[in-house]
PDB file of N, CA and C in Angstrom:
ATOM      1  N   UNK A   1     -15.951 -37.870 -14.131  1.00  0.00           N
ATOM      2  CA  UNK A   1     -14.639 -38.540 -14.784  1.00  0.00           C
ATOM      3  C   UNK A   1     -13.621 -38.542 -13.600  1.00  0.00           C
ATOM      4  N   UNK A   2     -13.220 -39.977 -13.753  1.00  0.00           N
ATOM      5  CA  UNK A   2     -12.326 -40.407 -12.628  1.00  0.00           C
ATOM      6  C   UNK A   2     -10.939 -39.670 -12.952  1.00  0.00           C
ATOM      7  N   UNK A   3     -10.392 -39.431 -11.686  1.00  0.00           N
ATOM      8  CA  UNK A   3      -8.990 -38.851 -11.586  1.00  0.00           C
ATOM      9  C   UNK A   3      -7.839 -39.715 -11.567  1.00  0.00           C
ATOM     10  N   UNK A   4      -6.941 -39.651 -12.671  1.00  0.00           N
ATOM     11  CA  UNK A   4      -5.989 -40.547 -12.839  1.00  0.00           C
ATOM     12  C   UNK A   4      -4.876 -40.441 -11.769  1.00  0.00           C
ATOM     13  N   UNK A   5      -4.392 -41.349 -11.089  1.00  0.00           N
ATOM     14  CA  UNK A   5      -3.181 -41.061 -10.141  1.00  0.00           C
ATOM     15  C   UNK A   5      -1.890 -41.024 -10.844  1.00  0.00           C
ATOM     16  N   UNK A   6      -1.095 -39.768 -10.692  1.00  0.00           N
ATOM     17  CA  UNK A   6       0.128 -39.774 -11.624  1.00  0.00           C
ATOM     18  C   UNK A   6       1.199 -40.182 -10.634  1.00  0.00           C
ATOM     19  N   UNK A   7       0.969 -40.519  -9.631  1.00  0.00           N
ATOM     20  CA  UNK A   7       2.156 -41.013  -8.742  1.00  0.00           C
ATOM     21  C   UNK A   7       2.380 -42.518  -8.532  1.00  0.00           C
ATOM     22  N   UNK A   8       3.466 -43.014  -8.413  1.00  0.00           N
ATOM     23  CA  UNK A   8       3.737 -44.428  -7.998  1.00  0.00           C
ATOM     24  C   UNK A   8       3.223 -44.411  -6.642  1.00  0.00           C
ATOM     25  N   UNK A   9       2.476 -45.963  -6.180  1.00  0.00           N
ATOM     26  CA  UNK A   9       2.072 -45.917  -4.984  1.00  0.00           C
ATOM     27  C   UNK A   9       2.806 -45.667  -3.792  1.00  0.00           C
ATOM     28  N   UNK A  10       4.219 -45.748  -3.964  1.00  0.00           N
ATOM     29  CA  UNK A  10       5.190 -45.465  -2.823  1.00  0.00           C
ATOM     30  C   UNK A  10       5.221 -44.080  -2.560  1.00  0.00           C
ATOM     31  N   UNK A  11       5.263 -43.290  -3.675  1.00  0.00           N
ATOM     32  CA  UNK A  11       5.266 -41.968  -3.800  1.00  0.00           C
ATOM     33  C   UNK A  11       4.038 -41.334  -3.240  1.00  0.00           C
ATOM     34  N   UNK A  12       2.805 -41.809  -3.529  1.00  0.00           N
ATOM     35  CA  UNK A  12       1.632 -41.265  -3.135  1.00  0.00           C
ATOM     36  C   UNK A  12       1.358 -41.607  -1.541  1.00  0.00           C
ATOM     37  N   UNK A  13       1.835 -42.819  -1.106  1.00  0.00           N
ATOM     38  CA  UNK A  13       1.961 -42.966   0.203  1.00  0.00           C
ATOM     39  C   UNK A  13       2.817 -42.031   1.091  1.00  0.00           C
ATOM     40  N   UNK A  14       3.953 -41.628   0.473  1.00  0.00           N
ATOM     41  CA  UNK A  14       4.824 -40.315   1.150  1.00  0.00           C
ATOM     42  C   UNK A  14       3.916 -39.159   1.327  1.00  0.00           C
ATOM     43  N   UNK A  15       3.281 -38.741   0.240  1.00  0.00           N
ATOM     44  CA  UNK A  15       2.496 -37.535  -0.013  1.00  0.00           C
ATOM     45  C   UNK A  15       1.447 -37.699   1.134  1.00  0.00           C
ATOM     46  N   UNK A  16       0.557 -38.855   1.215  1.00  0.00           N
ATOM     47  CA  UNK A  16      -0.324 -39.082   2.328  1.00  0.00           C
ATOM     48  C   UNK A  16       0.144 -38.973   3.541  1.00  0.00           C
ATOM     49  N   UNK A  17       1.375 -39.394   3.969  1.00  0.00           N
ATOM     50  CA  UNK A  17       1.868 -39.258   5.222  1.00  0.00           C
ATOM     51  C   UNK A  17       2.144 -38.000   5.522  1.00  0.00           C
ATOM     52  N   UNK A  18       2.825 -37.151   4.599  1.00  0.00           N
ATOM     53  CA  UNK A  18       3.268 -35.712   4.776  1.00  0.00           C
ATOM     54  C   UNK A  18       1.896 -34.981   4.924  1.00  0.00           C
ATOM     55  N   UNK A  19       0.863 -35.170   4.302  1.00  0.00           N
ATOM     56  CA  UNK A  19      -0.339 -34.412   4.597  1.00  0.00           C
ATOM     57  C   UNK A  19      -1.091 -34.676   5.820  1.00  0.00           C
ATOM     58  N   UNK A  20      -0.847 -35.824   6.251  1.00  0.00           N
ATOM     59  CA  UNK A  20      -1.390 -36.212   7.679  1.00  0.00           C
ATOM     60  C   UNK A  20      -0.758 -35.891   8.866  1.00  0.00           C
ATOM     61  N   UNK A  21       0.401 -35.200   8.835  1.00  0.00           N
ATOM     62  CA  UNK A  21       1.049 -34.868  10.190  1.00  0.00           C
ATOM     63  C   UNK A  21       1.244 -33.346  10.071  1.00  0.00           C
ATOM     64  N   UNK A  22       1.621 -32.705  11.316  1.00  0.00           N
ATOM     65  CA  UNK A  22       1.998 -31.312  11.338  1.00  0.00           C
ATOM     66  C   UNK A  22       1.048 -30.650  11.081  1.00  0.00           C
ATOM     67  N   UNK A  23       1.180 -29.406  10.638  1.00  0.00           N
ATOM     68  CA  UNK A  23       0.375 -28.372  10.447  1.00  0.00           C
ATOM     69  C   UNK A  23      -0.673 -28.656   9.498  1.00  0.00           C
ATOM     70  N   UNK A  24      -0.341 -29.580   8.669  1.00  0.00           N
ATOM     71  CA  UNK A  24      -1.283 -30.029   7.544  1.00  0.00           C
ATOM     72  C   UNK A  24      -2.590 -30.894   8.189  1.00  0.00           C
ATOM     73  N   UNK A  25      -2.253 -31.468   9.169  1.00  0.00           N
ATOM     74  CA  UNK A  25      -3.260 -32.484   9.708  1.00  0.00           C
ATOM     75  C   UNK A  25      -4.432 -31.509  10.569  1.00  0.00           C
ATOM     76  N   UNK A  26      -4.223 -30.232  10.704  1.00  0.00           N
ATOM     77  CA  UNK A  26      -5.302 -29.358  11.650  1.00  0.00           C
ATOM     78  C   UNK A  26      -6.485 -29.094  10.654  1.00  0.00           C
ATOM     79  N   UNK A  27      -7.491 -29.457  11.296  1.00  0.00           N
ATOM     80  CA  UNK A  27      -8.743 -29.200  10.625  1.00  0.00           C
ATOM     81  C   UNK A  27      -9.034 -27.639  10.690  1.00  0.00           C
ATOM     82  N   UNK A  28      -9.165 -26.864   9.599  1.00  0.00           N
ATOM     83  CA  UNK A  28      -9.537 -25.551   9.880  1.00  0.00           C
ATOM     84  C   UNK A  28     -10.923 -25.055   9.526  1.00  0.00           C
ATOM     85  N   UNK A  29     -11.357 -24.131  10.105  1.00  0.00           N
ATOM     86  CA  UNK A  29     -12.762 -23.469   9.845  1.00  0.00           C
ATOM     87  C   UNK A  29     -12.994 -22.889   8.367  1.00  0.00           C
ATOM     88  N   UNK A  30     -13.858 -23.039   7.811  1.00  0.00           N
ATOM     89  CA  UNK A  30     -13.973 -22.332   6.433  1.00  0.00           C
ATOM     90  C   UNK A  30     -13.683 -20.956   6.401  1.00  0.00           C
ATOM     91  N   UNK A  31     -12.996 -20.461   5.428  1.00  0.00           N
ATOM     92  CA  UNK A  31     -12.896 -18.967   5.246  1.00  0.00           C
ATOM     93  C   UNK A  31     -14.141 -18.252   4.971  1.00  0.00           C
ATOM     94  N   UNK A  32     -14.307 -17.099   5.777  1.00  0.00           N
ATOM     95  CA  UNK A  32     -15.701 -16.330   5.766  1.00  0.00           C
ATOM     96  C   UNK A  32     -15.111 -14.944   5.155  1.00  0.00           C
ATOM     97  N   UNK A  33     -15.081 -14.756   3.972  1.00  0.00           N
ATOM     98  CA  UNK A  33     -14.723 -13.417   3.455  1.00  0.00           C
ATOM     99  C   UNK A  33     -15.728 -12.187   3.969  1.00  0.00           C
ATOM    100  N   UNK A  34     -16.865 -12.352   4.254  1.00  0.00           N
ATOM    101  CA  UNK A  34     -17.676 -11.398   4.614  1.00  0.00           C
ATOM    102  C   UNK A  34     -17.504 -10.940   6.113  1.00  0.00           C
ATOM    103  N   UNK A  35     -17.021 -11.962   6.835  1.00  0.00           N
ATOM    104  CA  UNK A  35     -16.735 -11.521   8.269  1.00  0.00           C
ATOM    105  C   UNK A  35     -15.423 -10.807   8.031  1.00  0.00           C
ATOM    106  N   UNK A  36     -14.308 -11.090   7.229  1.00  0.00           N
ATOM    107  CA  UNK A  36     -13.054 -10.155   7.096  1.00  0.00           C
ATOM    108  C   UNK A  36     -13.479  -8.888   6.658  1.00  0.00           C
ATOM    109  N   UNK A  37     -14.468  -8.795   5.771  1.00  0.00           N
ATOM    110  CA  UNK A  37     -14.597  -7.650   5.379  1.00  0.00           C
ATOM    111  C   UNK A  37     -15.343  -6.625   6.337  1.00  0.00           C
ATOM    112  N   UNK A  38     -16.315  -7.192   7.151  1.00  0.00           N
ATOM    113  CA  UNK A  38     -16.881  -6.531   8.159  1.00  0.00           C
ATOM    114  C   UNK A  38     -15.958  -6.036   9.245  1.00  0.00           C
ATOM    115  N   UNK A  39     -14.915  -6.978   9.560  1.00  0.00           N
ATOM    116  CA  UNK A  39     -13.864  -6.673  10.631  1.00  0.00           C
ATOM    117  C   UNK A  39     -13.178  -5.366  10.013  1.00  0.00           C
ATOM    118  N   UNK A  40     -12.848  -5.407   8.818  1.00  0.00           N
ATOM    119  CA  UNK A  40     -11.977  -4.457   8.336  1.00  0.00           C
ATOM    120  C   UNK A  40     -12.743  -3.057   8.111  1.00  0.00           C
ATOM    121  N   UNK A  41     -14.042  -3.117   7.876  1.00  0.00           N
ATOM    122  CA  UNK A  41     -14.901  -2.059   7.845  1.00  0.00           C
ATOM    123  C   UNK A  41     -15.091  -1.373   9.055  1.00  0.00           C
ATOM    124  N   UNK A  42     -15.138  -2.032  10.116  1.00  0.00           N
ATOM    125  CA  UNK A  42     -15.201  -1.655  11.648  1.00  0.00           C
ATOM    126  C   UNK A  42     -13.965  -0.888  11.938  1.00  0.00           C
ATOM    127  N   UNK A  43     -12.739  -1.456  11.746  1.00  0.00           N
ATOM    128  CA  UNK A  43     -11.533  -1.078  12.123  1.00  0.00           C
ATOM    129  C   UNK A  43     -11.190   0.408  11.320  1.00  0.00           C
ATOM    130  N   UNK A  44     -11.336   0.313  10.001  1.00  0.00           N
ATOM    131  CA  UNK A  44     -11.239   1.661   9.192  1.00  0.00           C
ATOM    132  C   UNK A  44     -12.271   2.743   9.648  1.00  0.00           C
ATOM    133  N   UNK A  45     -13.343   2.431   9.947  1.00  0.00           N
ATOM    134  CA  UNK A  45     -14.203   3.356  10.358  1.00  0.00           C
ATOM    135  C   UNK A  45     -13.798   3.881  11.790  1.00  0.00           C
ATOM    136  N   UNK A  46     -13.400   3.131  12.653  1.00  0.00           N
ATOM    137  CA  UNK A  46     -12.995   3.362  14.014  1.00  0.00           C
ATOM    138  C   UNK A  46     -11.727   4.246  13.864  1.00  0.00           C
ATOM    139  N   UNK A  47     -10.840   3.923  13.006  1.00  0.00           N
ATOM    140  CA  UNK A  47      -9.714   4.787  12.767  1.00  0.00           C
ATOM    141  C   UNK A  47     -10.033   6.198  12.180  1.00  0.00           C
ATOM    142  N   UNK A  48     -10.960   6.315  11.301  1.00  0.00           N
ATOM    143  CA  UNK A  48     -11.325   7.540  10.857  1.00  0.00           C
ATOM    144  C   UNK A  48     -11.922   8.447  11.896  1.00  0.00           C
ATOM    145  N   UNK A  49     -12.899   7.864  12.661  1.00  0.00           N
ATOM    146  CA  UNK A  49     -13.664   8.474  13.693  1.00  0.00           C
ATOM    147  C   UNK A  49     -12.371   9.030  14.480  1.00  0.00           C
ATOM    148  N   UNK A  50     -11.635   8.447  15.089  1.00  0.00           N
ATOM    149  CA  UNK A  50     -10.424   8.495  15.985  1.00  0.00           C
ATOM    150  C   UNK A  50      -9.623   9.853  15.370  1.00  0.00           C
ATOM    151  N   UNK A  51      -9.394   9.821  13.995  1.00  0.00           N
ATOM    152  CA  UNK A  51      -8.653  10.767  13.492  1.00  0.00           C
ATOM    153  C   UNK A  51      -9.314  12.111  13.394  1.00  0.00           C
ATOM    154  N   UNK A  52     -10.734  12.014  13.198  1.00  0.00           N
ATOM    155  CA  UNK A  52     -11.558  13.182  13.174  1.00  0.00           C
ATOM    156  C   UNK A  52     -11.589  13.803  14.735  1.00  0.00           C
ATOM    157  N   UNK A  53     -11.670  13.087  15.448  1.00  0.00           N
ATOM    158  CA  UNK A  53     -11.864  13.548  17.094  1.00  0.00           C
ATOM    159  C   UNK A  53     -10.560  14.220  17.551  1.00  0.00           C
ATOM    160  N   UNK A  54      -9.435  13.538  16.880  1.00  0.00           N
ATOM    161  CA  UNK A  54      -8.107  14.241  17.508  1.00  0.00           C
ATOM    162  C   UNK A  54      -7.952  15.520  16.558  1.00  0.00           C
ATOM    163  N   UNK A  55      -8.340  15.569  15.302  1.00  0.00           N
ATOM    164  CA  UNK A  55      -8.162  16.601  14.462  1.00  0.00           C
ATOM    165  C   UNK A  55      -8.915  17.929  15.121  1.00  0.00           C
ATOM    166  N   UNK A  56     -10.187  17.496  15.589  1.00  0.00           N
ATOM    167  CA  UNK A  56     -11.017  18.699  16.192  1.00  0.00           C
ATOM    168  C   UNK A  56     -10.478  18.867  17.550  1.00  0.00           C
ATOM    169  N   UNK A  57     -10.031  18.130  18.338  1.00  0.00           N
ATOM    170  CA  UNK A  57      -9.366  18.274  19.519  1.00  0.00           C
ATOM    171  C   UNK A  57      -8.136  19.258  19.433  1.00  0.00           C
ATOM    172  N   UNK A  58      -7.383  19.144  18.434  1.00  0.00           N
ATOM    173  CA  UNK A  58      -6.205  19.825  18.214  1.00  0.00           C
ATOM    174  C   UNK A  58      -6.543  21.257  17.601  1.00  0.00           C
ATOM    175  N   UNK A  59      -7.800  21.431  16.941  1.00  0.00           N
ATOM    176  CA  UNK A  59      -8.009  22.568  16.325  1.00  0.00           C
ATOM    177  C   UNK A  59      -7.657  22.643  14.785  1.00  0.00           C
ATOM    178  N   UNK A  60      -7.382  21.571  14.418  1.00  0.00           N
ATOM    179  CA  UNK A  60      -6.978  21.400  12.799  1.00  0.00           C
ATOM    180  C   UNK A  60      -8.292  21.471  12.038  1.00  0.00           C
ATOM    181  N   UNK A  61      -9.350  20.954  12.388  1.00  0.00           N
ATOM    182  CA  UNK A  61     -10.417  20.579  11.647  1.00  0.00           C
ATOM    183  C   UNK A  61     -11.542  21.295  12.348  1.00  0.00           C
TER     184      UNK A  61
END
């Protein structure tokens, strides 16, 4: 199903120019949610182990 252009050609040209400059022109790597999940898991596990070590060192646990 072809997509209908809703803008006038002048307005579409302005939009295209805006999207091709500045921060919008940077090619980004694809988002990898599993990598983010792994990083968060490592950080949370590390902080948990650190808190257990500190608690045992202080005699609380």
